[in-house]
ModelCIF file with pLDDT and N, C-alpha, C, O atoms, coordinates in Angstrom:
data_MODEL
#
_entry.id   MODEL 
#
_entity.id                         1 
_entity.type                       polymer 
_entity.pdbx_number_of_molecules   1 
#
_entity_poly.entity_id                      1 
_entity_poly.type                           'polypeptide(L)' 
_entity_poly.nstd_linkage                   no 
_entity_poly.nstd_monomer                   no 
_entity_poly.pdbx_seq_one_letter_code       SRYAMGWFRQAPGKEREFVGAITRGDDTVYADSVKGRFTI 
_entity_poly.pdbx_seq_one_letter_code_can   SRYAMGWFRQAPGKEREFVGAITRGDDTVYADSVKGRFTI 
_entity_poly.pdbx_strand_id                 A 
#
loop_
_entity_poly_seq.entity_id 
_entity_poly_seq.num 
_entity_poly_seq.mon_id 
_entity_poly_seq.hetero 
1 1  SER n 
1 2  ARG n 
1 3  TYR n 
1 4  ALA n 
1 5  MET n 
1 6  GLY n 
1 7  TRP n 
1 8  PHE n 
1 9  ARG n 
1 10 GLN n 
1 11 ALA n 
1 12 PRO n 
1 13 GLY n 
1 14 LYS n 
1 15 GLU n 
1 16 ARG n 
1 17 GLU n 
1 18 PHE n 
1 19 VAL n 
1 20 GLY n 
1 21 ALA n 
1 22 ILE n 
1 23 THR n 
1 24 ARG n 
1 25 GLY n 
1 26 ASP n 
1 27 ASP n 
1 28 THR n 
1 29 VAL n 
1 30 TYR n 
1 31 ALA n 
1 32 ASP n 
1 33 SER n 
1 34 VAL n 
1 35 LYS n 
1 36 GLY n 
1 37 ARG n 
1 38 PHE n 
1 39 THR n 
1 40 ILE n 
#
_struct_asym.id          A 
_struct_asym.entity_id   1 
#
loop_
_ma_qa_metric.id 
_ma_qa_metric.mode 
_ma_qa_metric.name 
_ma_qa_metric.software_group_id 
_ma_qa_metric.type 
1 global pLDDT . pLDDT 
2 local  pLDDT . pLDDT 
#
_ma_qa_metric_global.metric_id      1 
_ma_qa_metric_global.metric_value   93.75 
_ma_qa_metric_global.model_id       1 
_ma_qa_metric_global.ordinal_id     1 
#
loop_
_ma_qa_metric_local.label_asym_id 
_ma_qa_metric_local.label_comp_id 
_ma_qa_metric_local.label_seq_id 
_ma_qa_metric_local.metric_id 
_ma_qa_metric_local.metric_value 
_ma_qa_metric_local.model_id 
_ma_qa_metric_local.ordinal_id 
A SER 1  2 56.00 1 1  
A ARG 2  2 75.00 1 2  
A TYR 3  2 86.00 1 3  
A ALA 4  2 91.00 1 4  
A MET 5  2 93.00 1 5  
A GLY 6  2 96.00 1 6  
A TRP 7  2 98.00 1 7  
A PHE 8  2 98.00 1 8  
A ARG 9  2 98.00 1 9  
A GLN 10 2 98.00 1 10 
A ALA 11 2 97.00 1 11 
A PRO 12 2 91.00 1 12 
A GLY 13 2 94.00 1 13 
A LYS 14 2 96.00 1 14 
A GLU 15 2 96.00 1 15 
A ARG 16 2 96.00 1 16 
A GLU 17 2 97.00 1 17 
A PHE 18 2 97.00 1 18 
A VAL 19 2 98.00 1 19 
A GLY 20 2 98.00 1 20 
A ALA 21 2 97.00 1 21 
A ILE 22 2 95.00 1 22 
A THR 23 2 91.00 1 23 
A ARG 24 2 86.00 1 24 
A GLY 25 2 86.00 1 25 
A ASP 26 2 88.00 1 26 
A ASP 27 2 94.00 1 27 
A THR 28 2 97.00 1 28 
A VAL 29 2 96.00 1 29 
A TYR 30 2 98.00 1 30 
A ALA 31 2 97.00 1 31 
A ASP 32 2 97.00 1 32 
A SER 33 2 96.00 1 33 
A VAL 34 2 98.00 1 34 
A LYS 35 2 97.00 1 35 
A GLY 36 2 97.00 1 36 
A ARG 37 2 98.00 1 37 
A PHE 38 2 98.00 1 38 
A THR 39 2 98.00 1 39 
A ILE 40 2 97.00 1 40 
#
loop_
_atom_site.group_PDB 
_atom_site.id 
_atom_site.type_symbol 
_atom_site.label_atom_id 
_atom_site.label_alt_id 
_atom_site.label_comp_id 
_atom_site.label_asym_id 
_atom_site.label_entity_id 
_atom_site.label_seq_id 
_atom_site.pdbx_PDB_ins_code 
_atom_site.Cartn_x 
_atom_site.Cartn_y 
_atom_site.Cartn_z 
_atom_site.occupancy 
_atom_site.B_iso_or_equiv 
_atom_site.pdbx_formal_charge 
_atom_site.auth_seq_id 
_atom_site.auth_comp_id 
_atom_site.auth_asym_id 
_atom_site.auth_atom_id 
_atom_site.pdbx_PDB_model_num 
ATOM 1   N N  . SER A 1 1  ? 90.537 20.337 54.021 1.00 56.00 ? 1  SER A N  1 
ATOM 2   C CA . SER A 1 1  ? 91.468 20.727 55.071 1.00 56.00 ? 1  SER A CA 1 
ATOM 3   C C  . SER A 1 1  ? 91.995 22.151 54.915 1.00 56.00 ? 1  SER A C  1 
ATOM 4   O O  . SER A 1 1  ? 92.765 22.625 55.751 1.00 56.00 ? 1  SER A O  1 
ATOM 5   N N  . ARG A 1 2  ? 91.593 22.818 53.872 1.00 75.00 ? 2  ARG A N  1 
ATOM 6   C CA . ARG A 1 2  ? 91.939 24.216 53.673 1.00 75.00 ? 2  ARG A CA 1 
ATOM 7   C C  . ARG A 1 2  ? 91.410 25.092 54.818 1.00 75.00 ? 2  ARG A C  1 
ATOM 8   O O  . ARG A 1 2  ? 91.971 26.150 55.102 1.00 75.00 ? 2  ARG A O  1 
ATOM 9   N N  . TYR A 1 3  ? 90.330 24.647 55.472 1.00 86.00 ? 3  TYR A N  1 
ATOM 10  C CA . TYR A 1 3  ? 89.672 25.430 56.506 1.00 86.00 ? 3  TYR A CA 1 
ATOM 11  C C  . TYR A 1 3  ? 89.911 24.870 57.898 1.00 86.00 ? 3  TYR A C  1 
ATOM 12  O O  . TYR A 1 3  ? 89.870 23.658 58.112 1.00 86.00 ? 3  TYR A O  1 
ATOM 13  N N  . ALA A 1 4  ? 90.159 25.768 58.838 1.00 91.00 ? 4  ALA A N  1 
ATOM 14  C CA . ALA A 1 4  ? 89.994 25.431 60.236 1.00 91.00 ? 4  ALA A CA 1 
ATOM 15  C C  . ALA A 1 4  ? 88.503 25.473 60.553 1.00 91.00 ? 4  ALA A C  1 
ATOM 16  O O  . ALA A 1 4  ? 87.781 26.336 60.054 1.00 91.00 ? 4  ALA A O  1 
ATOM 17  N N  . MET A 1 5  ? 88.051 24.547 61.375 1.00 93.00 ? 5  MET A N  1 
ATOM 18  C CA . MET A 1 5  ? 86.648 24.502 61.766 1.00 93.00 ? 5  MET A CA 1 
ATOM 19  C C  . MET A 1 5  ? 86.534 24.742 63.255 1.00 93.00 ? 5  MET A C  1 
ATOM 20  O O  . MET A 1 5  ? 87.128 24.025 64.060 1.00 93.00 ? 5  MET A O  1 
ATOM 21  N N  . GLY A 1 6  ? 85.768 25.752 63.613 1.00 96.00 ? 6  GLY A N  1 
ATOM 22  C CA . GLY A 1 6  ? 85.595 26.110 65.004 1.00 96.00 ? 6  GLY A CA 1 
ATOM 23  C C  . GLY A 1 6  ? 84.191 25.833 65.497 1.00 96.00 ? 6  GLY A C  1 
ATOM 24  O O  . GLY A 1 6  ? 83.234 25.803 64.725 1.00 96.00 ? 6  GLY A O  1 
ATOM 25  N N  . TRP A 1 7  ? 84.090 25.633 66.797 1.00 98.00 ? 7  TRP A N  1 
ATOM 26  C CA . TRP A 1 7  ? 82.803 25.539 67.473 1.00 98.00 ? 7  TRP A CA 1 
ATOM 27  C C  . TRP A 1 7  ? 82.703 26.682 68.467 1.00 98.00 ? 7  TRP A C  1 
ATOM 28  O O  . TRP A 1 7  ? 83.628 26.933 69.239 1.00 98.00 ? 7  TRP A O  1 
ATOM 29  N N  . PHE A 1 8  ? 81.576 27.366 68.439 1.00 98.00 ? 8  PHE A N  1 
ATOM 30  C CA . PHE A 1 8  ? 81.276 28.455 69.354 1.00 98.00 ? 8  PHE A CA 1 
ATOM 31  C C  . PHE A 1 8  ? 79.929 28.188 69.995 1.00 98.00 ? 8  PHE A C  1 
ATOM 32  O O  . PHE A 1 8  ? 79.140 27.383 69.498 1.00 98.00 ? 8  PHE A O  1 
ATOM 33  N N  . ARG A 1 9  ? 79.673 28.861 71.090 1.00 98.00 ? 9  ARG A N  1 
ATOM 34  C CA . ARG A 1 9  ? 78.364 28.737 71.719 1.00 98.00 ? 9  ARG A CA 1 
ATOM 35  C C  . ARG A 1 9  ? 77.942 30.077 72.301 1.00 98.00 ? 9  ARG A C  1 
ATOM 36  O O  . ARG A 1 9  ? 78.774 30.915 72.649 1.00 98.00 ? 9  ARG A O  1 
ATOM 37  N N  . GLN A 1 10 ? 76.634 30.258 72.398 1.00 98.00 ? 10 GLN A N  1 
ATOM 38  C CA . GLN A 1 10 ? 76.086 31.481 72.959 1.00 98.00 ? 10 GLN A CA 1 
ATOM 39  C C  . GLN A 1 10 ? 74.939 31.128 73.889 1.00 98.00 ? 10 GLN A C  1 
ATOM 40  O O  . GLN A 1 10 ? 73.912 30.602 73.460 1.00 98.00 ? 10 GLN A O  1 
ATOM 41  N N  . ALA A 1 11 ? 75.125 31.424 75.161 1.00 97.00 ? 11 ALA A N  1 
ATOM 42  C CA . ALA A 1 11 ? 74.101 31.210 76.164 1.00 97.00 ? 11 ALA A CA 1 
ATOM 43  C C  . ALA A 1 11 ? 73.240 32.458 76.283 1.00 97.00 ? 11 ALA A C  1 
ATOM 44  O O  . ALA A 1 11 ? 73.686 33.548 75.926 1.00 97.00 ? 11 ALA A O  1 
ATOM 45  N N  . PRO A 1 12 ? 72.012 32.319 76.778 1.00 91.00 ? 12 PRO A N  1 
ATOM 46  C CA . PRO A 1 12 ? 71.147 33.489 76.943 1.00 91.00 ? 12 PRO A CA 1 
ATOM 47  C C  . PRO A 1 12 ? 71.811 34.568 77.793 1.00 91.00 ? 12 PRO A C  1 
ATOM 48  O O  . PRO A 1 12 ? 72.318 34.288 78.879 1.00 91.00 ? 12 PRO A O  1 
ATOM 49  N N  . GLY A 1 13 ? 71.806 35.785 77.297 1.00 94.00 ? 13 GLY A N  1 
ATOM 50  C CA . GLY A 1 13 ? 72.364 36.899 78.028 1.00 94.00 ? 13 GLY A CA 1 
ATOM 51  C C  . GLY A 1 13 ? 73.875 36.997 77.996 1.00 94.00 ? 13 GLY A C  1 
ATOM 52  O O  . GLY A 1 13 ? 74.449 37.867 78.651 1.00 94.00 ? 13 GLY A O  1 
ATOM 53  N N  . LYS A 1 14 ? 74.532 36.126 77.251 1.00 96.00 ? 14 LYS A N  1 
ATOM 54  C CA . LYS A 1 14 ? 75.982 36.136 77.170 1.00 96.00 ? 14 LYS A CA 1 
ATOM 55  C C  . LYS A 1 14 ? 76.446 36.299 75.730 1.00 96.00 ? 14 LYS A C  1 
ATOM 56  O O  . LYS A 1 14 ? 75.704 36.031 74.786 1.00 96.00 ? 14 LYS A O  1 
ATOM 57  N N  . GLU A 1 15 ? 77.685 36.744 75.583 1.00 96.00 ? 15 GLU A N  1 
ATOM 58  C CA . GLU A 1 15 ? 78.288 36.837 74.267 1.00 96.00 ? 15 GLU A CA 1 
ATOM 59  C C  . GLU A 1 15 ? 78.685 35.453 73.770 1.00 96.00 ? 15 GLU A C  1 
ATOM 60  O O  . GLU A 1 15 ? 78.879 34.521 74.552 1.00 96.00 ? 15 GLU A O  1 
ATOM 61  N N  . ARG A 1 16 ? 78.798 35.345 72.467 1.00 96.00 ? 16 ARG A N  1 
ATOM 62  C CA . ARG A 1 16 ? 79.243 34.095 71.887 1.00 96.00 ? 16 ARG A CA 1 
ATOM 63  C C  . ARG A 1 16 ? 80.690 33.828 72.288 1.00 96.00 ? 16 ARG A C  1 
ATOM 64  O O  . ARG A 1 16 ? 81.525 34.732 72.243 1.00 96.00 ? 16 ARG A O  1 
ATOM 65  N N  . GLU A 1 17 ? 80.987 32.601 72.676 1.00 97.00 ? 17 GLU A N  1 
ATOM 66  C CA . GLU A 1 17 ? 82.316 32.256 73.133 1.00 97.00 ? 17 GLU A CA 1 
ATOM 67  C C  . GLU A 1 17 ? 82.886 31.079 72.357 1.00 97.00 ? 17 GLU A C  1 
ATOM 68  O O  . GLU A 1 17 ? 82.157 30.241 71.825 1.00 97.00 ? 17 GLU A O  1 
ATOM 69  N N  . PHE A 1 18 ? 84.195 31.044 72.311 1.00 97.00 ? 18 PHE A N  1 
ATOM 70  C CA . PHE A 1 18 ? 84.917 29.983 71.642 1.00 97.00 ? 18 PHE A CA 1 
ATOM 71  C C  . PHE A 1 18 ? 84.850 28.707 72.469 1.00 97.00 ? 18 PHE A C  1 
ATOM 72  O O  . PHE A 1 18 ? 85.072 28.729 73.679 1.00 97.00 ? 18 PHE A O  1 
ATOM 73  N N  . VAL A 1 19 ? 84.544 27.605 71.813 1.00 98.00 ? 19 VAL A N  1 
ATOM 74  C CA . VAL A 1 19 ? 84.506 26.298 72.461 1.00 98.00 ? 19 VAL A CA 1 
ATOM 75  C C  . VAL A 1 19 ? 85.751 25.488 72.114 1.00 98.00 ? 19 VAL A C  1 
ATOM 76  O O  . VAL A 1 19 ? 86.418 24.951 72.998 1.00 98.00 ? 19 VAL A O  1 
ATOM 77  N N  . GLY A 1 20 ? 86.054 25.405 70.843 1.00 98.00 ? 20 GLY A N  1 
ATOM 78  C CA . GLY A 1 20 ? 87.211 24.665 70.382 1.00 98.00 ? 20 GLY A CA 1 
ATOM 79  C C  . GLY A 1 20 ? 87.290 24.708 68.880 1.00 98.00 ? 20 GLY A C  1 
ATOM 80  O O  . GLY A 1 20 ? 86.411 25.256 68.215 1.00 98.00 ? 20 GLY A O  1 
ATOM 81  N N  . ALA A 1 21 ? 88.351 24.125 68.343 1.00 97.00 ? 21 ALA A N  1 
ATOM 82  C CA . ALA A 1 21 ? 88.552 24.133 66.904 1.00 97.00 ? 21 ALA A CA 1 
ATOM 83  C C  . ALA A 1 21 ? 89.423 22.968 66.493 1.00 97.00 ? 21 ALA A C  1 
ATOM 84  O O  . ALA A 1 21 ? 90.194 22.430 67.287 1.00 97.00 ? 21 ALA A O  1 
ATOM 85  N N  . ILE A 1 22 ? 89.284 22.596 65.249 1.00 95.00 ? 22 ILE A N  1 
ATOM 86  C CA . ILE A 1 22 ? 90.201 21.670 64.609 1.00 95.00 ? 22 ILE A CA 1 
ATOM 87  C C  . ILE A 1 22 ? 90.914 22.449 63.523 1.00 95.00 ? 22 ILE A C  1 
ATOM 88  O O  . ILE A 1 22 ? 90.274 23.065 62.671 1.00 95.00 ? 22 ILE A O  1 
ATOM 89  N N  . THR A 1 23 ? 92.234 22.425 63.549 1.00 91.00 ? 23 THR A N  1 
ATOM 90  C CA . THR A 1 23 ? 93.027 23.244 62.651 1.00 91.00 ? 23 THR A CA 1 
ATOM 91  C C  . THR A 1 23 ? 93.043 22.662 61.249 1.00 91.00 ? 23 THR A C  1 
ATOM 92  O O  . THR A 1 23 ? 92.569 21.550 61.014 1.00 91.00 ? 23 THR A O  1 
ATOM 93  N N  . ARG A 1 24 ? 93.598 23.436 60.322 1.00 86.00 ? 24 ARG A N  1 
ATOM 94  C CA . ARG A 1 24 ? 93.758 22.938 58.959 1.00 86.00 ? 24 ARG A CA 1 
ATOM 95  C C  . ARG A 1 24 ? 94.645 21.709 58.906 1.00 86.00 ? 24 ARG A C  1 
ATOM 96  O O  . ARG A 1 24 ? 94.555 20.919 57.967 1.00 86.00 ? 24 ARG A O  1 
ATOM 97  N N  . GLY A 1 25 ? 95.499 21.538 59.905 1.00 86.00 ? 25 GLY A N  1 
ATOM 98  C CA . GLY A 1 25 ? 96.330 20.351 60.025 1.00 86.00 ? 25 GLY A CA 1 
ATOM 99  C C  . GLY A 1 25 ? 95.727 19.260 60.885 1.00 86.00 ? 25 GLY A C  1 
ATOM 100 O O  . GLY A 1 25 ? 96.391 18.265 61.176 1.00 86.00 ? 25 GLY A O  1 
ATOM 101 N N  . ASP A 1 26 ? 94.476 19.428 61.299 1.00 88.00 ? 26 ASP A N  1 
ATOM 102 C CA . ASP A 1 26 ? 93.695 18.444 62.060 1.00 88.00 ? 26 ASP A CA 1 
ATOM 103 C C  . ASP A 1 26 ? 94.161 18.279 63.501 1.00 88.00 ? 26 ASP A C  1 
ATOM 104 O O  . ASP A 1 26 ? 93.866 17.260 64.124 1.00 88.00 ? 26 ASP A O  1 
ATOM 105 N N  . ASP A 1 27 ? 94.874 19.249 64.038 1.00 94.00 ? 27 ASP A N  1 
ATOM 106 C CA . ASP A 1 27 ? 95.083 19.319 65.472 1.00 94.00 ? 27 ASP A CA 1 
ATOM 107 C C  . ASP A 1 27 ? 93.860 19.968 66.115 1.00 94.00 ? 27 ASP A C  1 
ATOM 108 O O  . ASP A 1 27 ? 93.112 20.680 65.445 1.00 94.00 ? 27 ASP A O  1 
ATOM 109 N N  . THR A 1 28 ? 93.655 19.729 67.394 1.00 97.00 ? 28 THR A N  1 
ATOM 110 C CA . THR A 1 28 ? 92.495 20.285 68.087 1.00 97.00 ? 28 THR A CA 1 
ATOM 111 C C  . THR A 1 28 ? 92.918 21.167 69.238 1.00 97.00 ? 28 THR A C  1 
ATOM 112 O O  . THR A 1 28 ? 93.939 20.927 69.883 1.00 97.00 ? 28 THR A O  1 
ATOM 113 N N  . VAL A 1 29 ? 92.122 22.192 69.491 1.00 96.00 ? 29 VAL A N  1 
ATOM 114 C CA . VAL A 1 29 ? 92.339 23.142 70.566 1.00 96.00 ? 29 VAL A CA 1 
ATOM 115 C C  . VAL A 1 29 ? 90.998 23.386 71.255 1.00 96.00 ? 29 VAL A C  1 
ATOM 116 O O  . VAL A 1 29 ? 89.963 23.458 70.594 1.00 96.00 ? 29 VAL A O  1 
ATOM 117 N N  . TYR A 1 30 ? 91.016 23.513 72.587 1.00 98.00 ? 30 TYR A N  1 
ATOM 118 C CA . TYR A 1 30 ? 89.782 23.660 73.345 1.00 98.00 ? 30 TYR A CA 1 
ATOM 119 C C  . TYR A 1 30 ? 89.872 24.792 74.351 1.00 98.00 ? 30 TYR A C  1 
ATOM 120 O O  . TYR A 1 30 ? 90.941 25.094 74.880 1.00 98.00 ? 30 TYR A O  1 
ATOM 121 N N  . ALA A 1 31 ? 88.734 25.407 74.602 1.00 97.00 ? 31 ALA A N  1 
ATOM 122 C CA . ALA A 1 31 ? 88.641 26.350 75.695 1.00 97.00 ? 31 ALA A CA 1 
ATOM 123 C C  . ALA A 1 31 ? 88.788 25.613 77.021 1.00 97.00 ? 31 ALA A C  1 
ATOM 124 O O  . ALA A 1 31 ? 88.425 24.442 77.134 1.00 97.00 ? 31 ALA A O  1 
ATOM 125 N N  . ASP A 1 32 ? 89.320 26.307 78.020 1.00 97.00 ? 32 ASP A N  1 
ATOM 126 C CA . ASP A 1 32 ? 89.530 25.677 79.319 1.00 97.00 ? 32 ASP A CA 1 
ATOM 127 C C  . ASP A 1 32 ? 88.233 25.145 79.921 1.00 97.00 ? 32 ASP A C  1 
ATOM 128 O O  . ASP A 1 32 ? 88.246 24.147 80.643 1.00 97.00 ? 32 ASP A O  1 
ATOM 129 N N  . SER A 1 33 ? 87.123 25.801 79.630 1.00 96.00 ? 33 SER A N  1 
ATOM 130 C CA . SER A 1 33 ? 85.846 25.426 80.212 1.00 96.00 ? 33 SER A CA 1 
ATOM 131 C C  . SER A 1 33 ? 85.344 24.061 79.751 1.00 96.00 ? 33 SER A C  1 
ATOM 132 O O  . SER A 1 33 ? 84.518 23.446 80.426 1.00 96.00 ? 33 SER A O  1 
ATOM 133 N N  . VAL A 1 34 ? 85.834 23.582 78.608 1.00 98.00 ? 34 VAL A N  1 
ATOM 134 C CA . VAL A 1 34 ? 85.365 22.310 78.066 1.00 98.00 ? 34 VAL A CA 1 
ATOM 135 C C  . VAL A 1 34 ? 86.472 21.281 77.928 1.00 98.00 ? 34 VAL A C  1 
ATOM 136 O O  . VAL A 1 34 ? 86.207 20.133 77.571 1.00 98.00 ? 34 VAL A O  1 
ATOM 137 N N  . LYS A 1 35 ? 87.692 21.668 78.201 1.00 97.00 ? 35 LYS A N  1 
ATOM 138 C CA . LYS A 1 35 ? 88.832 20.775 78.038 1.00 97.00 ? 35 LYS A CA 1 
ATOM 139 C C  . LYS A 1 35 ? 88.663 19.525 78.895 1.00 97.00 ? 35 LYS A C  1 
ATOM 140 O O  . LYS A 1 35 ? 88.342 19.610 80.080 1.00 97.00 ? 35 LYS A O  1 
ATOM 141 N N  . GLY A 1 36 ? 88.883 18.377 78.288 1.00 97.00 ? 36 GLY A N  1 
ATOM 142 C CA . GLY A 1 36 ? 88.714 17.117 78.976 1.00 97.00 ? 36 GLY A CA 1 
ATOM 143 C C  . GLY A 1 36 ? 87.324 16.542 78.885 1.00 97.00 ? 36 GLY A C  1 
ATOM 144 O O  . GLY A 1 36 ? 87.119 15.372 79.208 1.00 97.00 ? 36 GLY A O  1 
ATOM 145 N N  . ARG A 1 37 ? 86.358 17.340 78.450 1.00 98.00 ? 37 ARG A N  1 
ATOM 146 C CA . ARG A 1 37 ? 84.974 16.884 78.326 1.00 98.00 ? 37 ARG A CA 1 
ATOM 147 C C  . ARG A 1 37 ? 84.492 16.834 76.887 1.00 98.00 ? 37 ARG A C  1 
ATOM 148 O O  . ARG A 1 37 ? 83.702 15.964 76.521 1.00 98.00 ? 37 ARG A O  1 
ATOM 149 N N  . PHE A 1 38 ? 84.971 17.773 76.065 1.00 98.00 ? 38 PHE A N  1 
ATOM 150 C CA . PHE A 1 38 ? 84.543 17.871 74.671 1.00 98.00 ? 38 PHE A CA 1 
ATOM 151 C C  . PHE A 1 38 ? 85.664 17.426 73.747 1.00 98.00 ? 38 PHE A C  1 
ATOM 152 O O  . PHE A 1 38 ? 86.842 17.621 74.048 1.00 98.00 ? 38 PHE A O  1 
ATOM 153 N N  . THR A 1 39 ? 85.293 16.826 72.620 1.00 98.00 ? 39 THR A N  1 
ATOM 154 C CA . THR A 1 39 ? 86.256 16.377 71.634 1.00 98.00 ? 39 THR A CA 1 
ATOM 155 C C  . THR A 1 39 ? 85.772 16.747 70.240 1.00 98.00 ? 39 THR A C  1 
ATOM 156 O O  . THR A 1 39 ? 84.619 16.496 69.889 1.00 98.00 ? 39 THR A O  1 
ATOM 157 N N  . ILE A 1 40 ? 86.649 17.339 69.456 1.00 97.00 ? 40 ILE A N  1 
ATOM 158 C CA . ILE A 1 40 ? 86.341 17.715 68.078 1.00 97.00 ? 40 ILE A CA 1 
ATOM 159 C C  . ILE A 1 40 ? 87.057 16.756 67.138 1.00 97.00 ? 40 ILE A C  1 
ATOM 160 O O  . ILE A 1 40 ? 86.941 16.885 65.919 1.00 97.00 ? 40 ILE A O  1 
#
């Protein structure tokens, strides 16, 4: 739990973008584009 774990994605022709993360305290945060659909 020392580390926050993030998920990123990179589509062809686009920069890598933040998807979501689970914090060192095990809370989760999501990008608006995936909120409600993805779970970490």
